[in-house]
Amino acid sequence: MRIAVTTPDGNVGHHLARMLVRAGIRPLLLTRHPENTPPDLSELVDPVHADSREPEEVVAATRGVDALYWVDPPAQSTDPLADYARATDAVIAAVTRNEIGRVVFQSSVGAEKRRGAGEIDGLAATELALDAIGVDVTHLRCGYFFINLLFDLESIRGGVIRTVLPPDAPMSWVAPRDIAEVAAMTLLNGDWNGRRVQAVHGPEDLSWSQVAAILSEELGREIVVERIADEVTRGQYLDAGMPPAMADAVLGMSTGLRDDFIPEQPRSLVSTTPTTLRSWAREELRPAL
């Protein structure tokens, strides 16, 4: 089986590449920087240059591929949804022209809304495009990544985590490594077909207040949660250099899932993964501080 992985240096992809190697697969890694492949991995994989927003590059890189793990790269321009549309065009071109048999797509909780969830709307559009061509596809609807907390190291050092969400509203939190594990098992399992949606909800739903309590215990310092207004958050994004459309898209990922949103896939044995926030904080957050 020839399996291709996009964004192999990403939060999920770097775990997935190693999992496939351990499973006896020599994966094809689509990357803009093949020269940056880690030395311990370079003899066990086939890195190839491809920009995931350039259809001709992706088509050329995926010839002979049987299965594809696709990640829409993060938006980088003043028109974030246009960036997602370019990535969508690339994966559809590759799958149709190279007759790739199956795709595992890294989507997000909230994509089921289809509209009104900021950047997640771009993922929803990719889901719809893959569904329309009739390929065997599994959409991984992932929860909120633990590693997003690493963007708030300065605040955490000051004893605060900030959010635009209600502090006591629970939501799914997940470790990227667990997403990679689900992706690997799905890619290697030849018994499914058609369109599937696989939620990846992490071990338990947590509110921001519960997150603050767990971090307080694991870090040995008091961490409190502070709710901030939407306009304040948007202003912070703008001050950090985000174009207005990008600021709106990033903010919309939270505000679009804030009011009475319920994930399409309920928590179950299938959607629950093992890595806890407590263990992740001990292994990854604490050393970063």
C-alpha atoms as a PDB file:
ATOM      1  CA  MET A   1       0.000   0.000   0.000  1.00  0.00           C
ATOM      2  CA  ARG A   2       1.342   3.414  -0.976  1.00  0.00           C
ATOM      3  CA  ILE A   3       0.261   6.017   1.603  1.00  0.00           C
ATOM      4  CA  ALA A   4       0.921   9.743   1.257  1.00  0.00           C
ATOM      5  CA  VAL A   5       0.906  12.155   4.190  1.00  0.00           C
ATOM      6  CA  THR A   6       0.579  15.920   3.850  1.00  0.00           C
ATOM      7  CA  THR A   7       2.009  18.392   6.396  1.00  0.00           C
ATOM      8  CA  PRO A   8       4.358  15.709   7.788  1.00  0.00           C
ATOM      9  CA  ASP A   9       6.020  18.336   9.974  1.00  0.00           C
ATOM     10  CA  GLY A  10       2.696  19.357  11.487  1.00  0.00           C
ATOM     11  CA  ASN A  11       1.220  18.669  14.900  1.00  0.00           C
ATOM     12  CA  VAL A  12      -0.435  15.448  13.730  1.00  0.00           C
ATOM     13  CA  GLY A  13       1.655  14.583  10.681  1.00  0.00           C
ATOM     14  CA  HIS A  14       4.967  14.149  12.456  1.00  0.00           C
ATOM     15  CA  HIS A  15       3.376  11.543  14.721  1.00  0.00           C
ATOM     16  CA  LEU A  16       1.562   9.856  11.840  1.00  0.00           C
ATOM     17  CA  ALA A  17       4.686   9.430   9.705  1.00  0.00           C
ATOM     18  CA  ARG A  18       6.433   7.536  12.498  1.00  0.00           C
ATOM     19  CA  MET A  19       3.393   5.405  13.267  1.00  0.00           C
ATOM     20  CA  LEU A  20       3.164   4.297   9.644  1.00  0.00           C
ATOM     21  CA  VAL A  21       6.865   3.450   9.619  1.00  0.00           C
ATOM     22  CA  ARG A  22       6.415   1.347  12.746  1.00  0.00           C
ATOM     23  CA  ALA A  23       3.523  -0.423  10.994  1.00  0.00           C
ATOM     24  CA  GLY A  24       5.834  -1.463   8.156  1.00  0.00           C
ATOM     25  CA  ILE A  25       4.788   1.243   5.672  1.00  0.00           C
ATOM     26  CA  ARG A  26       7.221   3.487   3.809  1.00  0.00           C
ATOM     27  CA  PRO A  27       5.088   6.638   3.560  1.00  0.00           C
ATOM     28  CA  LEU A  28       5.369   9.335   0.935  1.00  0.00           C
ATOM     29  CA  LEU A  29       5.686  12.696   2.675  1.00  0.00           C
ATOM     30  CA  LEU A  30       4.397  15.764   0.810  1.00  0.00           C
ATOM     31  CA  THR A  31       6.265  18.787   2.093  1.00  0.00           C
ATOM     32  CA  ARG A  32       7.489  22.148   0.920  1.00  0.00           C
ATOM     33  CA  HIS A  33      10.852  21.412   2.546  1.00  0.00           C
ATOM     34  CA  PRO A  34      11.984  17.808   1.941  1.00  0.00           C
ATOM     35  CA  GLU A  35      15.454  18.803   3.092  1.00  0.00           C
ATOM     36  CA  ASN A  36      14.086  19.269   6.620  1.00  0.00           C
ATOM     37  CA  THR A  37      13.102  15.627   7.044  1.00  0.00           C
ATOM     38  CA  PRO A  38      14.512  14.508  10.424  1.00  0.00           C
ATOM     39  CA  PRO A  39      17.656  12.379  10.055  1.00  0.00           C
ATOM     40  CA  ASP A  40      16.199   9.458  11.992  1.00  0.00           C
ATOM     41  CA  LEU A  41      13.272   9.338   9.561  1.00  0.00           C
ATOM     42  CA  SER A  42      14.893  10.163   6.242  1.00  0.00           C
ATOM     43  CA  GLU A  43      15.952   6.600   5.367  1.00  0.00           C
ATOM     44  CA  LEU A  44      12.491   5.212   6.122  1.00  0.00           C
ATOM     45  CA  VAL A  45      10.257   7.600   4.153  1.00  0.00           C
ATOM     46  CA  ASP A  46      10.079   9.191   0.718  1.00  0.00           C
ATOM     47  CA  PRO A  47       9.870  12.978   1.073  1.00  0.00           C
ATOM     48  CA  VAL A  48       8.765  14.862  -2.037  1.00  0.00           C
ATOM     49  CA  HIS A  49       8.311  18.561  -2.661  1.00  0.00           C
ATOM     50  CA  ALA A  50       4.696  19.693  -2.925  1.00  0.00           C
ATOM     51  CA  ASP A  51       2.814  22.788  -1.835  1.00  0.00           C
ATOM     52  CA  SER A  52      -0.645  21.675  -0.734  1.00  0.00           C
ATOM     53  CA  ARG A  53      -2.189  24.765  -2.361  1.00  0.00           C
ATOM     54  CA  GLU A  54      -0.707  24.002  -5.797  1.00  0.00           C
ATOM     55  CA  PRO A  55      -2.791  21.393  -7.660  1.00  0.00           C
ATOM     56  CA  GLU A  56      -0.165  20.494 -10.258  1.00  0.00           C
ATOM     57  CA  GLU A  57       2.472  19.921  -7.576  1.00  0.00           C
ATOM     58  CA  VAL A  58       0.147  17.711  -5.537  1.00  0.00           C
ATOM     59  CA  VAL A  59      -0.963  15.757  -8.615  1.00  0.00           C
ATOM     60  CA  ALA A  60       2.641  15.129  -9.636  1.00  0.00           C
ATOM     61  CA  ALA A  61       3.653  14.097  -6.116  1.00  0.00           C
ATOM     62  CA  THR A  62       0.805  11.614  -5.576  1.00  0.00           C
ATOM     63  CA  ARG A  63       1.011   9.491  -8.717  1.00  0.00           C
ATOM     64  CA  GLY A  64       0.748   5.841  -7.738  1.00  0.00           C
ATOM     65  CA  VAL A  65      -0.674   6.622  -4.296  1.00  0.00           C
ATOM     66  CA  ASP A  66      -3.351   4.298  -2.883  1.00  0.00           C
ATOM     67  CA  ALA A  67      -4.370   6.308   0.183  1.00  0.00           C
ATOM     68  CA  LEU A  68      -3.905   9.926   1.208  1.00  0.00           C
ATOM     69  CA  TYR A  69      -3.888  11.684   4.556  1.00  0.00           C
ATOM     70  CA  TRP A  70      -4.919  15.223   3.716  1.00  0.00           C
ATOM     71  CA  VAL A  71      -4.577  18.332   5.867  1.00  0.00           C
ATOM     72  CA  ASP A  72      -5.613  21.760   4.597  1.00  0.00           C
ATOM     73  CA  PRO A  73      -2.615  23.958   5.471  1.00  0.00           C
ATOM     74  CA  PRO A  74      -3.309  26.969   7.710  1.00  0.00           C
ATOM     75  CA  ALA A  75      -4.443  30.109   5.934  1.00  0.00           C
ATOM     76  CA  GLN A  76      -1.650  32.578   5.261  1.00  0.00           C
ATOM     77  CA  SER A  77      -3.165  35.399   3.229  1.00  0.00           C
ATOM     78  CA  THR A  78      -5.623  38.249   3.654  1.00  0.00           C
ATOM     79  CA  ASP A  79      -8.356  35.919   2.327  1.00  0.00           C
ATOM     80  CA  PRO A  80      -8.238  32.787   4.493  1.00  0.00           C
ATOM     81  CA  LEU A  81     -11.188  30.989   2.917  1.00  0.00           C
ATOM     82  CA  ALA A  82      -9.617  31.476  -0.514  1.00  0.00           C
ATOM     83  CA  ASP A  83      -6.513  29.716   0.837  1.00  0.00           C
ATOM     84  CA  TYR A  84      -8.673  26.790   1.928  1.00  0.00           C
ATOM     85  CA  ALA A  85     -10.358  26.748  -1.485  1.00  0.00           C
ATOM     86  CA  ARG A  86      -6.961  26.434  -3.176  1.00  0.00           C
ATOM     87  CA  ALA A  87      -6.087  23.484  -0.943  1.00  0.00           C
ATOM     88  CA  THR A  88      -9.447  21.914  -1.729  1.00  0.00           C
ATOM     89  CA  ASP A  89      -8.795  22.279  -5.452  1.00  0.00           C
ATOM     90  CA  ALA A  90      -5.426  20.576  -4.998  1.00  0.00           C
ATOM     91  CA  VAL A  91      -6.728  17.509  -3.183  1.00  0.00           C
ATOM     92  CA  ILE A  92      -9.650  17.070  -5.571  1.00  0.00           C
ATOM     93  CA  ALA A  93      -7.304  17.275  -8.578  1.00  0.00           C
ATOM     94  CA  ALA A  94      -4.940  14.715  -7.072  1.00  0.00           C
ATOM     95  CA  VAL A  95      -7.644  12.252  -6.073  1.00  0.00           C
ATOM     96  CA  THR A  96      -9.514  12.390  -9.374  1.00  0.00           C
ATOM     97  CA  ARG A  97      -6.585  12.487 -11.788  1.00  0.00           C
ATOM     98  CA  ASN A  98      -4.525   9.873  -9.949  1.00  0.00           C
ATOM     99  CA  GLU A  99      -7.521   7.726  -8.992  1.00  0.00           C
ATOM    100  CA  ILE A 100      -6.523   7.648  -5.342  1.00  0.00           C
ATOM    101  CA  GLY A 101      -8.774   5.069  -3.711  1.00  0.00           C
ATOM    102  CA  ARG A 102      -9.251   6.501  -0.257  1.00  0.00           C
ATOM    103  CA  VAL A 103      -8.703   9.686   1.697  1.00  0.00           C
ATOM    104  CA  VAL A 104      -8.518  10.407   5.405  1.00  0.00           C
ATOM    105  CA  PHE A 105      -9.173  14.116   5.906  1.00  0.00           C
ATOM    106  CA  GLN A 106      -8.233  16.028   9.043  1.00  0.00           C
ATOM    107  CA  SER A 107     -11.338  18.109   9.665  1.00  0.00           C
ATOM    108  CA  SER A 108     -12.692  19.635  12.860  1.00  0.00           C
ATOM    109  CA  VAL A 109     -15.595  19.581  15.222  1.00  0.00           C
ATOM    110  CA  GLY A 110     -17.823  22.340  13.870  1.00  0.00           C
ATOM    111  CA  ALA A 111     -17.411  21.474  10.192  1.00  0.00           C
ATOM    112  CA  GLU A 112     -20.890  19.944  10.366  1.00  0.00           C
ATOM    113  CA  LYS A 113     -22.270  23.481  10.632  1.00  0.00           C
ATOM    114  CA  ARG A 114     -20.988  24.109   7.093  1.00  0.00           C
ATOM    115  CA  ARG A 115     -21.096  27.847   7.641  1.00  0.00           C
ATOM    116  CA  GLY A 116     -20.561  30.373  10.428  1.00  0.00           C
ATOM    117  CA  ALA A 117     -17.511  28.875  12.169  1.00  0.00           C
ATOM    118  CA  GLY A 118     -14.663  30.998  10.830  1.00  0.00           C
ATOM    119  CA  GLU A 119     -11.717  29.044   9.433  1.00  0.00           C
ATOM    120  CA  ILE A 120     -13.597  25.810  10.052  1.00  0.00           C
ATOM    121  CA  ASP A 121     -15.844  26.797   7.142  1.00  0.00           C
ATOM    122  CA  GLY A 122     -12.849  26.110   4.899  1.00  0.00           C
ATOM    123  CA  LEU A 123     -12.634  22.562   6.257  1.00  0.00           C
ATOM    124  CA  ALA A 124     -16.361  22.115   5.704  1.00  0.00           C
ATOM    125  CA  ALA A 125     -15.905  23.092   2.058  1.00  0.00           C
ATOM    126  CA  THR A 126     -13.187  20.455   1.655  1.00  0.00           C
ATOM    127  CA  GLU A 127     -15.468  17.832   3.205  1.00  0.00           C
ATOM    128  CA  LEU A 128     -18.232  18.688   0.750  1.00  0.00           C
ATOM    129  CA  ALA A 129     -15.883  18.622  -2.235  1.00  0.00           C
ATOM    130  CA  LEU A 130     -14.520  15.184  -1.302  1.00  0.00           C
ATOM    131  CA  ASP A 131     -18.053  13.885  -0.763  1.00  0.00           C
ATOM    132  CA  ALA A 132     -19.085  15.138  -4.189  1.00  0.00           C
ATOM    133  CA  ILE A 133     -16.502  13.090  -6.103  1.00  0.00           C
ATOM    134  CA  GLY A 134     -17.555   9.827  -4.462  1.00  0.00           C
ATOM    135  CA  VAL A 135     -14.141   8.787  -3.145  1.00  0.00           C
ATOM    136  CA  ASP A 136     -13.922   6.534  -0.092  1.00  0.00           C
ATOM    137  CA  VAL A 137     -13.305   9.165   2.573  1.00  0.00           C
ATOM    138  CA  THR A 138     -13.149   9.405   6.340  1.00  0.00           C
ATOM    139  CA  HIS A 139     -13.496  12.885   7.811  1.00  0.00           C
ATOM    140  CA  LEU A 140     -11.799  13.121  11.194  1.00  0.00           C
ATOM    141  CA  ARG A 141     -13.768  15.679  13.208  1.00  0.00           C
ATOM    142  CA  CYS A 142     -11.157  16.619  15.799  1.00  0.00           C
ATOM    143  CA  GLY A 143     -11.657  18.435  19.080  1.00  0.00           C
ATOM    144  CA  TYR A 144      -9.687  21.384  20.433  1.00  0.00           C
ATOM    145  CA  PHE A 145      -5.957  20.617  20.437  1.00  0.00           C
ATOM    146  CA  PHE A 146      -4.151  20.562  23.779  1.00  0.00           C
ATOM    147  CA  ILE A 147      -1.178  22.156  22.064  1.00  0.00           C
ATOM    148  CA  ASN A 148      -3.117  25.373  21.475  1.00  0.00           C
ATOM    149  CA  LEU A 149      -2.212  26.120  25.077  1.00  0.00           C
ATOM    150  CA  LEU A 150       1.396  26.487  23.942  1.00  0.00           C
ATOM    151  CA  PHE A 151       0.402  29.719  22.197  1.00  0.00           C
ATOM    152  CA  ASP A 152      -0.480  31.145  25.625  1.00  0.00           C
ATOM    153  CA  LEU A 153       2.741  30.401  27.483  1.00  0.00           C
ATOM    154  CA  GLU A 154       3.238  34.006  28.537  1.00  0.00           C
ATOM    155  CA  SER A 155      -0.265  34.200  30.008  1.00  0.00           C
ATOM    156  CA  ILE A 156       0.104  30.851  31.718  1.00  0.00           C
ATOM    157  CA  ARG A 157       3.368  32.005  33.281  1.00  0.00           C
ATOM    158  CA  GLY A 158       1.352  34.919  34.647  1.00  0.00           C
ATOM    159  CA  GLY A 159      -1.266  32.542  36.065  1.00  0.00           C
ATOM    160  CA  VAL A 160      -4.065  33.231  33.557  1.00  0.00           C
ATOM    161  CA  ILE A 161      -5.655  31.532  30.558  1.00  0.00           C
ATOM    162  CA  ARG A 162      -8.046  33.644  28.510  1.00  0.00           C
ATOM    163  CA  THR A 163     -10.965  32.636  26.334  1.00  0.00           C
ATOM    164  CA  VAL A 164     -13.990  34.121  24.593  1.00  0.00           C
ATOM    165  CA  LEU A 165     -15.984  31.032  25.574  1.00  0.00           C
ATOM    166  CA  PRO A 166     -18.088  30.587  28.719  1.00  0.00           C
ATOM    167  CA  PRO A 167     -15.631  29.252  31.317  1.00  0.00           C
ATOM    168  CA  ASP A 168     -17.951  26.487  32.480  1.00  0.00           C
ATOM    169  CA  ALA A 169     -19.046  25.194  29.056  1.00  0.00           C
ATOM    170  CA  PRO A 170     -17.534  21.753  28.359  1.00  0.00           C
ATOM    171  CA  MET A 171     -16.021  20.855  24.991  1.00  0.00           C
ATOM    172  CA  SER A 172     -13.789  18.147  23.588  1.00  0.00           C
ATOM    173  CA  TRP A 173     -10.007  18.478  24.003  1.00  0.00           C
ATOM    174  CA  VAL A 174      -7.594  16.135  22.264  1.00  0.00           C
ATOM    175  CA  ALA A 175      -3.889  15.369  21.918  1.00  0.00           C
ATOM    176  CA  PRO A 176      -2.567  15.497  18.323  1.00  0.00           C
ATOM    177  CA  ARG A 177      -0.806  12.184  18.884  1.00  0.00           C
ATOM    178  CA  ASP A 178      -4.191  10.533  19.446  1.00  0.00           C
ATOM    179  CA  ILE A 179      -5.474  11.995  16.179  1.00  0.00           C
ATOM    180  CA  ALA A 180      -2.452  10.501  14.424  1.00  0.00           C
ATOM    181  CA  GLU A 181      -3.206   7.116  15.950  1.00  0.00           C
ATOM    182  CA  VAL A 182      -6.794   7.187  14.699  1.00  0.00           C
ATOM    183  CA  ALA A 183      -5.561   8.329  11.287  1.00  0.00           C
ATOM    184  CA  ALA A 184      -2.993   5.523  11.078  1.00  0.00           C
ATOM    185  CA  MET A 185      -5.513   2.852  11.994  1.00  0.00           C
ATOM    186  CA  THR A 186      -7.988   4.226   9.459  1.00  0.00           C
ATOM    187  CA  LEU A 187      -5.417   4.363   6.667  1.00  0.00           C
ATOM    188  CA  LEU A 188      -4.253   0.812   7.362  1.00  0.00           C
ATOM    189  CA  ASN A 189      -7.756  -0.652   7.687  1.00  0.00           C
ATOM    190  CA  GLY A 190      -8.975  -1.895   4.324  1.00  0.00           C
ATOM    191  CA  ASP A 191     -12.427  -2.935   5.502  1.00  0.00           C
ATOM    192  CA  TRP A 192     -14.244   0.392   5.245  1.00  0.00           C
ATOM    193  CA  ASN A 193     -15.597   2.206   2.226  1.00  0.00           C
ATOM    194  CA  GLY A 194     -17.896   5.044   1.270  1.00  0.00           C
ATOM    195  CA  ARG A 195     -18.182   8.226   3.324  1.00  0.00           C
ATOM    196  CA  ARG A 196     -17.427   8.067   7.022  1.00  0.00           C
ATOM    197  CA  VAL A 197     -17.233  10.656   9.791  1.00  0.00           C
ATOM    198  CA  GLN A 198     -14.998   9.760  12.729  1.00  0.00           C
ATOM    199  CA  ALA A 199     -15.015  12.103  15.694  1.00  0.00           C
ATOM    200  CA  VAL A 200     -11.816  12.369  17.741  1.00  0.00           C
ATOM    201  CA  HIS A 201     -12.975  13.832  21.038  1.00  0.00           C
ATOM    202  CA  GLY A 202     -10.081  13.095  23.378  1.00  0.00           C
ATOM    203  CA  PRO A 203     -10.606  11.395  26.751  1.00  0.00           C
ATOM    204  CA  GLU A 204     -13.263  13.717  28.210  1.00  0.00           C
ATOM    205  CA  ASP A 205     -15.080  16.980  27.681  1.00  0.00           C
ATOM    206  CA  LEU A 206     -13.546  19.786  29.728  1.00  0.00           C
ATOM    207  CA  SER A 207     -14.572  23.344  30.470  1.00  0.00           C
ATOM    208  CA  TRP A 208     -11.968  26.088  30.588  1.00  0.00           C
ATOM    209  CA  SER A 209     -12.465  26.236  34.363  1.00  0.00           C
ATOM    210  CA  GLN A 210     -11.608  22.543  34.608  1.00  0.00           C
ATOM    211  CA  VAL A 211      -8.591  23.066  32.370  1.00  0.00           C
ATOM    212  CA  ALA A 212      -7.365  25.832  34.670  1.00  0.00           C
ATOM    213  CA  ALA A 213      -7.773  23.553  37.697  1.00  0.00           C
ATOM    214  CA  ILE A 214      -5.835  20.712  36.050  1.00  0.00           C
ATOM    215  CA  LEU A 215      -3.043  23.037  34.984  1.00  0.00           C
ATOM    216  CA  SER A 216      -2.856  24.489  38.493  1.00  0.00           C
ATOM    217  CA  GLU A 217      -2.290  21.031  39.942  1.00  0.00           C
ATOM    218  CA  GLU A 218       0.187  19.882  37.310  1.00  0.00           C
ATOM    219  CA  LEU A 219       2.213  23.096  37.145  1.00  0.00           C
ATOM    220  CA  GLY A 220       2.247  23.721  40.873  1.00  0.00           C
ATOM    221  CA  ARG A 221       0.947  27.280  40.506  1.00  0.00           C
ATOM    222  CA  GLU A 222      -2.488  28.823  40.523  1.00  0.00           C
ATOM    223  CA  ILE A 223      -3.982  29.234  37.044  1.00  0.00           C
ATOM    224  CA  VAL A 224      -7.263  31.069  36.672  1.00  0.00           C
ATOM    225  CA  VAL A 225      -9.491  31.421  33.629  1.00  0.00           C
ATOM    226  CA  GLU A 226     -10.517  34.849  32.422  1.00  0.00           C
ATOM    227  CA  ARG A 227     -13.264  35.430  29.891  1.00  0.00           C
ATOM    228  CA  ILE A 228     -12.571  38.282  27.482  1.00  0.00           C
ATOM    229  CA  ALA A 229     -14.863  40.056  25.060  1.00  0.00           C
ATOM    230  CA  ASP A 230     -14.920  39.190  21.377  1.00  0.00           C
ATOM    231  CA  GLU A 231     -13.844  42.670  20.337  1.00  0.00           C
ATOM    232  CA  VAL A 232     -10.890  42.600  22.730  1.00  0.00           C
ATOM    233  CA  THR A 233      -9.725  39.283  21.302  1.00  0.00           C
ATOM    234  CA  ARG A 234     -10.105  40.560  17.741  1.00  0.00           C
ATOM    235  CA  GLY A 235      -8.089  43.638  18.674  1.00  0.00           C
ATOM    236  CA  GLN A 236      -5.317  41.446  20.023  1.00  0.00           C
ATOM    237  CA  TYR A 237      -5.213  39.510  16.767  1.00  0.00           C
ATOM    238  CA  LEU A 238      -5.006  42.737  14.794  1.00  0.00           C
ATOM    239  CA  ASP A 239      -2.258  44.045  17.079  1.00  0.00           C
ATOM    240  CA  ALA A 240      -0.343  40.824  16.411  1.00  0.00           C
ATOM    241  CA  GLY A 241      -0.407  41.627  12.699  1.00  0.00           C
ATOM    242  CA  MET A 242      -3.324  39.550  11.453  1.00  0.00           C
ATOM    243  CA  PRO A 243      -5.262  40.998   8.508  1.00  0.00           C
ATOM    244  CA  PRO A 244      -8.884  41.765   9.451  1.00  0.00           C
ATOM    245  CA  ALA A 245     -10.316  38.798   7.514  1.00  0.00           C
ATOM    246  CA  MET A 246      -7.869  36.458   9.215  1.00  0.00           C
ATOM    247  CA  ALA A 247      -8.701  37.868  12.647  1.00  0.00           C
ATOM    248  CA  ASP A 248     -12.391  37.295  11.967  1.00  0.00           C
ATOM    249  CA  ALA A 249     -11.757  33.753  10.735  1.00  0.00           C
ATOM    250  CA  VAL A 250      -9.692  32.774  13.779  1.00  0.00           C
ATOM    251  CA  LEU A 251     -12.152  34.348  16.195  1.00  0.00           C
ATOM    252  CA  GLY A 252     -15.041  32.689  14.388  1.00  0.00           C
ATOM    253  CA  MET A 253     -13.697  29.233  15.176  1.00  0.00           C
ATOM    254  CA  SER A 254     -14.622  29.912  18.810  1.00  0.00           C
ATOM    255  CA  THR A 255     -17.625  32.190  18.547  1.00  0.00           C
ATOM    256  CA  GLY A 256     -19.226  30.046  15.852  1.00  0.00           C
ATOM    257  CA  LEU A 257     -19.301  27.042  18.184  1.00  0.00           C
ATOM    258  CA  ARG A 258     -20.231  28.948  21.309  1.00  0.00           C
ATOM    259  CA  ASP A 259     -24.016  29.211  21.393  1.00  0.00           C
ATOM    260  CA  ASP A 260     -25.910  25.937  21.784  1.00  0.00           C
ATOM    261  CA  PHE A 261     -23.558  24.004  19.499  1.00  0.00           C
ATOM    262  CA  ILE A 262     -23.655  20.229  19.908  1.00  0.00           C
ATOM    263  CA  PRO A 263     -21.226  18.068  17.900  1.00  0.00           C
ATOM    264  CA  GLU A 264     -22.847  15.837  15.324  1.00  0.00           C
ATOM    265  CA  GLN A 265     -20.998  12.791  16.691  1.00  0.00           C
ATOM    266  CA  PRO A 266     -21.689  12.077  20.352  1.00  0.00           C
ATOM    267  CA  ARG A 267     -18.956  10.934  22.670  1.00  0.00           C
ATOM    268  CA  SER A 268     -18.658   7.156  22.583  1.00  0.00           C
ATOM    269  CA  LEU A 269     -16.052   4.398  22.730  1.00  0.00           C
ATOM    270  CA  VAL A 270     -15.345   5.090  19.060  1.00  0.00           C
ATOM    271  CA  SER A 271     -14.744   8.824  19.474  1.00  0.00           C
ATOM    272  CA  THR A 272     -12.888   8.746  22.820  1.00  0.00           C
ATOM    273  CA  THR A 273      -9.074   8.670  22.824  1.00  0.00           C
ATOM    274  CA  PRO A 274      -6.731   8.033  25.766  1.00  0.00           C
ATOM    275  CA  THR A 275      -4.259  10.882  26.282  1.00  0.00           C
ATOM    276  CA  THR A 276      -5.383  13.134  29.132  1.00  0.00           C
ATOM    277  CA  LEU A 277      -4.750  16.837  29.513  1.00  0.00           C
ATOM    278  CA  ARG A 278      -3.047  16.067  32.806  1.00  0.00           C
ATOM    279  CA  SER A 279      -0.478  13.751  31.223  1.00  0.00           C
ATOM    280  CA  TRP A 280       0.034  16.063  28.238  1.00  0.00           C
ATOM    281  CA  ALA A 281       0.642  19.036  30.558  1.00  0.00           C
ATOM    282  CA  ARG A 282       3.188  17.035  32.499  1.00  0.00           C
ATOM    283  CA  GLU A 283       5.054  15.859  29.405  1.00  0.00           C
ATOM    284  CA  GLU A 284       4.814  18.863  27.055  1.00  0.00           C
ATOM    285  CA  LEU A 285       3.497  22.011  28.709  1.00  0.00           C
ATOM    286  CA  ARG A 286       5.557  21.948  31.888  1.00  0.00           C
ATOM    287  CA  PRO A 287       8.905  21.591  30.025  1.00  0.00           C
ATOM    288  CA  ALA A 288       7.928  24.468  27.709  1.00  0.00           C
ATOM    289  CA  LEU A 289       7.449  26.781  30.693  1.00  0.00           C
END
